[in-house]
Each structure stands twice: as structure tokens, then as C-alpha cells.
C-alpha atoms as a PDB file:
ATOM      1  CA  MET A   1      47.705  13.616  37.223  1.00  0.00           C
ATOM      2  CA  SER A   2      50.677  14.214  39.711  1.00  0.00           C
ATOM      3  CA  LYS A   3      52.524  17.529  39.259  1.00  0.00           C
ATOM      4  CA  LEU A   4      56.274  18.242  39.551  1.00  0.00           C
ATOM      5  CA  THR A   5      57.499  21.120  41.814  1.00  0.00           C
ATOM      6  CA  VAL A   6      60.999  22.171  41.130  1.00  0.00           C
ATOM      7  CA  VAL A   7      63.630  24.473  42.807  1.00  0.00           C
ATOM      8  CA  PHE A   8      65.596  26.368  40.591  1.00  0.00           C
ATOM      9  CA  LEU A   9      68.320  29.297  40.540  1.00  0.00           C
ATOM     10  CA  LYS A  10      66.518  32.684  39.866  1.00  0.00           C
ATOM     11  CA  ASP A  11      69.099  34.041  37.736  1.00  0.00           C
ATOM     12  CA  THR A  12      69.440  30.987  35.055  1.00  0.00           C
ATOM     13  CA  GLY A  13      66.678  28.775  35.682  1.00  0.00           C
ATOM     14  CA  HIS A  14      68.650  25.801  36.525  1.00  0.00           C
ATOM     15  CA  VAL A  15      66.888  23.017  38.130  1.00  0.00           C
ATOM     16  CA  LEU A  16      68.547  22.048  41.605  1.00  0.00           C
ATOM     17  CA  ALA A  17      65.899  19.691  43.112  1.00  0.00           C
ATOM     18  CA  ALA A  18      62.510  18.529  42.037  1.00  0.00           C
ATOM     19  CA  LEU A  19      59.692  16.133  43.609  1.00  0.00           C
ATOM     20  CA  THR A  20      56.619  14.685  42.701  1.00  0.00           C
ATOM     21  CA  ARG A  21      53.575  15.554  44.019  1.00  0.00           C
ATOM     22  CA  ALA A  22      50.126  13.642  43.722  1.00  0.00           C
ATOM     23  CA  ASP A  23      48.326  16.873  45.528  1.00  0.00           C
ATOM     24  CA  PRO A  24      50.243  20.149  45.123  1.00  0.00           C
ATOM     25  CA  PRO A  25      49.043  22.820  47.378  1.00  0.00           C
ATOM     26  CA  THR A  26      46.902  25.827  45.536  1.00  0.00           C
ATOM     27  CA  ALA A  27      49.296  28.573  47.346  1.00  0.00           C
ATOM     28  CA  THR A  28      52.523  30.033  46.198  1.00  0.00           C
ATOM     29  CA  GLU A  29      55.285  28.293  47.996  1.00  0.00           C
ATOM     30  CA  SER A  30      58.787  30.021  48.434  1.00  0.00           C
ATOM     31  CA  ALA A  31      61.926  28.208  48.121  1.00  0.00           C
ATOM     32  CA  SER A  32      62.641  28.422  51.737  1.00  0.00           C
ATOM     33  CA  ASP A  33      59.197  26.796  52.619  1.00  0.00           C
ATOM     34  CA  LEU A  34      60.823  23.715  50.631  1.00  0.00           C
ATOM     35  CA  VAL A  35      64.524  23.930  51.348  1.00  0.00           C
ATOM     36  CA  GLY A  36      65.042  26.280  54.334  1.00  0.00           C
ATOM     37  CA  ALA A  37      68.174  27.989  54.209  1.00  0.00           C
ATOM     38  CA  GLY A  38      69.244  26.710  51.061  1.00  0.00           C
ATOM     39  CA  VAL A  39      69.764  23.721  48.764  1.00  0.00           C
ATOM     40  CA  ALA A  40      72.908  21.674  48.966  1.00  0.00           C
ATOM     41  CA  VAL A  41      74.746  20.749  45.530  1.00  0.00           C
ATOM     42  CA  GLY A  42      76.626  17.674  46.157  1.00  0.00           C
ATOM     43  CA  PRO A  43      79.640  16.003  44.415  1.00  0.00           C
ATOM     44  CA  VAL A  44      79.241  16.128  40.349  1.00  0.00           C
ATOM     45  CA  GLY A  45      81.437  15.221  37.529  1.00  0.00           C
ATOM     46  CA  GLY A  46      84.015  13.764  40.058  1.00  0.00           C
ATOM     47  CA  THR A  47      84.473  16.682  42.294  1.00  0.00           C
ATOM     48  CA  SER A  48      84.386  16.720  45.988  1.00  0.00           C
ATOM     49  CA  ALA A  49      82.747  20.009  46.063  1.00  0.00           C
ATOM     50  CA  ALA A  50      79.297  20.291  48.341  1.00  0.00           C
ATOM     51  CA  ILE A  51      77.841  23.658  48.362  1.00  0.00           C
ATOM     52  CA  THR A  52      74.667  25.103  49.702  1.00  0.00           C
ATOM     53  CA  ILE A  53      72.950  27.692  47.350  1.00  0.00           C
ATOM     54  CA  PRO A  54      70.924  30.186  49.462  1.00  0.00           C
ATOM     55  CA  ALA A  55      67.117  30.353  49.317  1.00  0.00           C
ATOM     56  CA  ALA A  56      67.374  33.994  48.408  1.00  0.00           C
ATOM     57  CA  MET A  57      68.895  32.791  45.157  1.00  0.00           C
ATOM     58  CA  LEU A  58      66.147  30.366  44.526  1.00  0.00           C
ATOM     59  CA  ASP A  59      62.609  30.256  43.215  1.00  0.00           C
ATOM     60  CA  THR A  60      59.984  27.372  42.814  1.00  0.00           C
ATOM     61  CA  ALA A  61      57.591  26.306  39.986  1.00  0.00           C
ATOM     62  CA  THR A  62      54.944  23.505  39.880  1.00  0.00           C
ATOM     63  CA  VAL A  63      54.622  22.075  36.386  1.00  0.00           C
ATOM     64  CA  ASP A  64      53.157  18.705  34.812  1.00  0.00           C
ATOM     65  CA  ASP A  65      55.248  15.671  35.956  1.00  0.00           C
ATOM     66  CA  GLN A  66      57.915  14.820  34.100  1.00  0.00           C
ATOM     67  CA  PRO A  67      59.675  11.652  35.847  1.00  0.00           C
ATOM     68  CA  GLU A  68      63.167  12.330  34.155  1.00  0.00           C
ATOM     69  CA  VAL A  69      63.638  15.496  35.793  1.00  0.00           C
ATOM     70  CA  VAL A  70      63.320  13.796  39.362  1.00  0.00           C
ATOM     71  CA  LEU A  71      65.962  11.416  38.017  1.00  0.00           C
ATOM     72  CA  ASP A  72      68.379  14.219  36.800  1.00  0.00           C
ATOM     73  CA  PRO A  73      67.123  17.601  38.090  1.00  0.00           C
ATOM     74  CA  LEU A  74      70.403  19.226  36.902  1.00  0.00           C
ATOM     75  CA  GLY A  75      70.042  18.579  33.230  1.00  0.00           C
ATOM     76  CA  PHE A  76      66.943  20.671  33.243  1.00  0.00           C
ATOM     77  CA  GLN A  77      66.125  24.329  33.280  1.00  0.00           C
ATOM     78  CA  VAL A  78      62.858  26.523  34.023  1.00  0.00           C
ATOM     79  CA  VAL A  79      61.819  28.528  30.988  1.00  0.00           C
ATOM     80  CA  GLN A  80      59.257  31.337  32.018  1.00  0.00           C
ATOM     81  CA  ASP A  81      56.751  32.769  29.239  1.00  0.00           C
ATOM     82  CA  PRO A  82      58.241  36.141  28.359  1.00  0.00           C
ATOM     83  CA  GLN A  83      54.498  37.662  28.405  1.00  0.00           C
ATOM     84  CA  GLY A  84      53.926  35.923  31.597  1.00  0.00           C
ATOM     85  CA  LEU A  85      50.697  34.558  29.629  1.00  0.00           C
ATOM     86  CA  LYS A  86      51.589  30.779  30.221  1.00  0.00           C
ATOM     87  CA  PRO A  87      52.909  28.902  33.153  1.00  0.00           C
ATOM     88  CA  PRO A  88      56.603  28.197  33.330  1.00  0.00           C
ATOM     89  CA  THR A  89      57.692  24.786  31.933  1.00  0.00           C
ATOM     90  CA  VAL A  90      60.801  22.725  32.401  1.00  0.00           C
ATOM     91  CA  THR A  91      63.412  21.651  29.419  1.00  0.00           C
ATOM     92  CA  ALA A  92      66.415  19.676  28.892  1.00  0.00           C
ATOM     93  CA  VAL A  93      69.286  22.029  28.780  1.00  0.00           C
ATOM     94  CA  GLY A  94      73.172  21.594  27.742  1.00  0.00           C
ATOM     95  CA  VAL A  95      75.206  18.936  26.904  1.00  0.00           C
ATOM     96  CA  PRO A  96      76.735  16.872  29.971  1.00  0.00           C
ATOM     97  CA  GLY A  97      80.145  17.268  30.626  1.00  0.00           C
ATOM     98  CA  SER A  98      80.161  21.169  29.462  1.00  0.00           C
ATOM     99  CA  SER A  99      82.729  22.892  31.322  1.00  0.00           C
ATOM    100  CA  VAL A 100      83.812  26.224  32.437  1.00  0.00           C
ATOM    101  CA  PRO A 101      87.492  25.872  33.153  1.00  0.00           C
ATOM    102  CA  MET A 102      88.751  28.333  35.622  1.00  0.00           C
ATOM    103  CA  THR A 103      92.032  29.712  37.146  1.00  0.00           C
ATOM    104  CA  ILE A 104      92.377  31.975  39.804  1.00  0.00           C
ATOM    105  CA  SER A 105      95.475  34.169  40.783  1.00  0.00           C
ATOM    106  CA  HIS A 106      95.619  35.848  44.252  1.00  0.00           C
ATOM    107  CA  THR A 107      96.724  39.210  42.469  1.00  0.00           C
ATOM    108  CA  VAL A 108      94.421  39.269  39.338  1.00  0.00           C
ATOM    109  CA  GLY A 109      91.360  37.676  40.196  1.00  0.00           C
ATOM    110  CA  ALA A 110      89.299  34.717  38.464  1.00  0.00           C
ATOM    111  CA  THR A 111      89.812  34.042  34.754  1.00  0.00           C
ATOM    112  CA  VAL A 112      86.559  32.101  33.404  1.00  0.00           C
ATOM    113  CA  THR A 113      86.573  30.636  29.692  1.00  0.00           C
ATOM    114  CA  VAL A 114      83.721  29.353  28.308  1.00  0.00           C
ATOM    115  CA  GLN A 115      84.248  26.936  25.150  1.00  0.00           C
ATOM    116  CA  ASN A 116      82.685  26.161  22.185  1.00  0.00           C
ATOM    117  CA  MET A 117      79.506  28.273  22.333  1.00  0.00           C
ATOM    118  CA  PRO A 118      77.863  30.035  19.479  1.00  0.00           C
ATOM    119  CA  LEU A 119      76.497  32.625  21.561  1.00  0.00           C
ATOM    120  CA  THR A 120      78.232  36.040  22.241  1.00  0.00           C
ATOM    121  CA  LEU A 121      76.724  36.410  25.732  1.00  0.00           C
ATOM    122  CA  LEU A 122      75.679  33.790  28.263  1.00  0.00           C
ATOM    123  CA  THR A 123      74.216  34.227  31.758  1.00  0.00           C
ATOM    124  CA  ALA A 124      76.154  32.357  34.450  1.00  0.00           C
ATOM    125  CA  VAL A 125      76.160  32.166  38.309  1.00  0.00           C
ATOM    126  CA  LEU A 126      79.587  31.077  39.652  1.00  0.00           C
ATOM    127  CA  VAL A 127      79.523  29.574  42.934  1.00  0.00           C
ATOM    128  CA  LEU A 128      83.145  29.261  44.535  1.00  0.00           C
ATOM    129  CA  GLN A 129      83.646  26.971  48.033  1.00  0.00           C
ATOM    130  CA  GLN A 130      86.710  27.493  49.718  1.00  0.00           C
ATOM    131  CA  VAL A 131      88.284  23.949  50.548  1.00  0.00           C
ATOM    132  CA  ALA A 132      88.714  24.141  54.337  1.00  0.00           C
ATOM    133  CA  VAL A 133      87.714  22.825  57.611  1.00  0.00           C
ATOM    134  CA  PRO A 134      85.357  24.413  58.617  1.00  0.00           C
ATOM    135  CA  SER A 135      84.012  25.174  55.237  1.00  0.00           C
ATOM    136  CA  PRO A 136      83.219  28.971  54.974  1.00  0.00           C
ATOM    137  CA  GLN A 137      80.288  30.254  53.287  1.00  0.00           C
ATOM    138  CA  PRO A 138      80.511  30.134  49.641  1.00  0.00           C
ATOM    139  CA  ARG A 139      81.183  33.310  47.137  1.00  0.00           C
ATOM    140  CA  ILE A 140      78.517  33.482  44.748  1.00  0.00           C
ATOM    141  CA  VAL A 141      78.824  35.470  41.767  1.00  0.00           C
ATOM    142  CA  VAL A 142      76.104  36.333  39.426  1.00  0.00           C
ATOM    143  CA  THR A 143      77.333  37.877  36.121  1.00  0.00           C
ATOM    144  CA  THR A 144      77.111  37.826  32.219  1.00  0.00           C
ATOM    145  CA  LEU A 145      80.052  36.043  30.468  1.00  0.00           C
ATOM    146  CA  THR A 146      81.456  37.012  27.263  1.00  0.00           C
ATOM    147  CA  VAL A 147      82.400  34.104  25.183  1.00  0.00           C
ATOM    148  CA  GLY A 148      86.202  33.563  25.602  1.00  0.00           C
ATOM    149  CA  THR A 149      87.771  34.906  28.556  1.00  0.00           C
ATOM    150  CA  ALA A 150      86.050  37.495  31.183  1.00  0.00           C
ATOM    151  CA  LYS A 151      87.473  38.326  34.516  1.00  0.00           C
ATOM    152  CA  VAL A 152      84.429  38.094  37.038  1.00  0.00           C
ATOM    153  CA  VAL A 153      86.029  37.968  40.447  1.00  0.00           C
ATOM    154  CA  SER A 154      88.608  40.302  41.998  1.00  0.00           C
ATOM    155  CA  GLY A 155      90.450  40.036  45.145  1.00  0.00           C
ATOM    156  CA  GLY A 156      89.800  38.054  48.295  1.00  0.00           C
ATOM    157  CA  PHE A 157      92.079  35.139  47.095  1.00  0.00           C
ATOM    158  CA  THR A 158      95.404  34.092  48.962  1.00  0.00           C
ATOM    159  CA  GLN A 159      98.300  31.956  47.586  1.00  0.00           C
ATOM    160  CA  GLY A 160      97.949  28.400  48.090  1.00  0.00           C
ATOM    161  CA  ASP A 161      94.392  28.683  48.784  1.00  0.00           C
ATOM    162  CA  THR A 162      92.178  25.751  47.033  1.00  0.00           C
ATOM    163  CA  TRP A 163      88.486  26.600  45.687  1.00  0.00           C
ATOM    164  CA  ASP A 164      85.971  24.220  44.283  1.00  0.00           C
ATOM    165  CA  MET A 165      83.761  25.951  41.563  1.00  0.00           C
ATOM    166  CA  TYR A 166      80.423  25.241  40.277  1.00  0.00           C
ATOM    167  CA  ALA A 167      79.194  27.195  37.284  1.00  0.00           C
ATOM    168  CA  PHE A 168      75.507  27.500  36.202  1.00  0.00           C
ATOM    169  CA  VAL A 169      75.637  28.698  32.555  1.00  0.00           C
ATOM    170  CA  GLN A 170      72.266  29.512  30.939  1.00  0.00           C
ATOM    171  CA  THR A 171      71.617  27.066  28.082  1.00  0.00           C
ATOM    172  CA  LEU A 172      74.570  24.988  29.012  1.00  0.00           C
ATOM    173  CA  GLY A 173      73.314  23.040  31.836  1.00  0.00           C
ATOM    174  CA  LEU A 174      75.345  22.756  35.108  1.00  0.00           C
ATOM    175  CA  ALA A 175      79.225  22.806  34.570  1.00  0.00           C
ATOM    176  CA  VAL A 176      81.660  21.752  37.186  1.00  0.00           C
ATOM    177  CA  SER A 177      85.409  22.499  37.644  1.00  0.00           C
ATOM    178  CA  PRO A 178      87.416  20.285  39.801  1.00  0.00           C
ATOM    179  CA  ALA A 179      89.111  22.111  43.033  1.00  0.00           C
ATOM    180  CA  VAL A 180      91.514  25.205  41.874  1.00  0.00           C
ATOM    181  CA  THR A 181      94.598  26.235  43.663  1.00  0.00           C
ATOM    182  CA  VAL A 182      95.379  29.727  43.734  1.00  0.00           C
ATOM    183  CA  ALA A 183      98.704  30.483  41.949  1.00  0.00           C
END
């Protein structure tokens, strides 16, 4: 039986890449073994963003093959057994089109609002990529969001700059906001 190897965000479990393997290696593989310096997250949901997530933020897992994960890896999440007695599993998460709207002020920082969520705390990874040529390294913010408004990024924004934003929110799936111009 073939197996599925997934590359996922350590902090939230979101699958970023998946491959089916007829004969997976028996030794543990690091994310950098599979993706080198990082994995690119290309345009999603109509944005032009193309952001590379560093390998240090990623991990891998080999699970039973699920063809739908290869077709839509961003719609799945790795779930670890809390006791560590069972191997990890991959499960569908979120609702396509979930959004994390964001506004940035060069004096205040970033304001992030998570809408229509029944939970009070969510784990999220925000990836901000400045729209510039050449593109600088993305800013990556790992935080816990409180449903409603939470200030998660401060400073470093200049009026008129434009940023693309990806948000990986645990239990929401991948949420993408279009480019945001600093006010």
C-alpha cells in the first residue's frame, strides 16, 4: 500500500505540500530533506502573493495515502496524538474562503480580525510579504489570536508600502487576504 508524506507548519499543522510514495524511507526525514530552504506558497484565492515558508517552521509526517490531500494539500491539517502513542493523522480542516481580514497602520501596527468563530482562542501563523522588487524576506508572526480584534504585529511599516498576507489559523484552514496598503 502506498503512503503519503506531508510537509506541514509545526505551529498549526497546516499541510503545505504532499506526495504519494510507493516505498517511503524508514528513517525520519526533516522538512529540509524534502523542500530545501523552504516551501513556496503560491497564489491562492485571487491574490498574487508568492511566499516561501522557511524549513525551520516546517515538519514532515508519513501517513496512510489519501489522494484528496495531494489534490488540495492546503485543505488539510496534521493532527498529532496528544499522548504520542499513535502515529499522526491528516484530516480536512476549515471552510474554503475563510478569511482573516487585516489592516495595517504605520503608527499602530497590524489589526487582525477573525470572523464568525465559536472559539475564544485560535493558534495562527501570519506571513507578511512586502510587495516589492526584489521581494524581501517575509515577516512571519506566530501568535495566539483572540477572536475579535488582536494587535499582533507592531512597527516596521512605512506609509504607502503594500504587503500580501497569508494566515494559517488552526481549525480554519488556510485563509488569505489580498494585498494590504499601509495607511
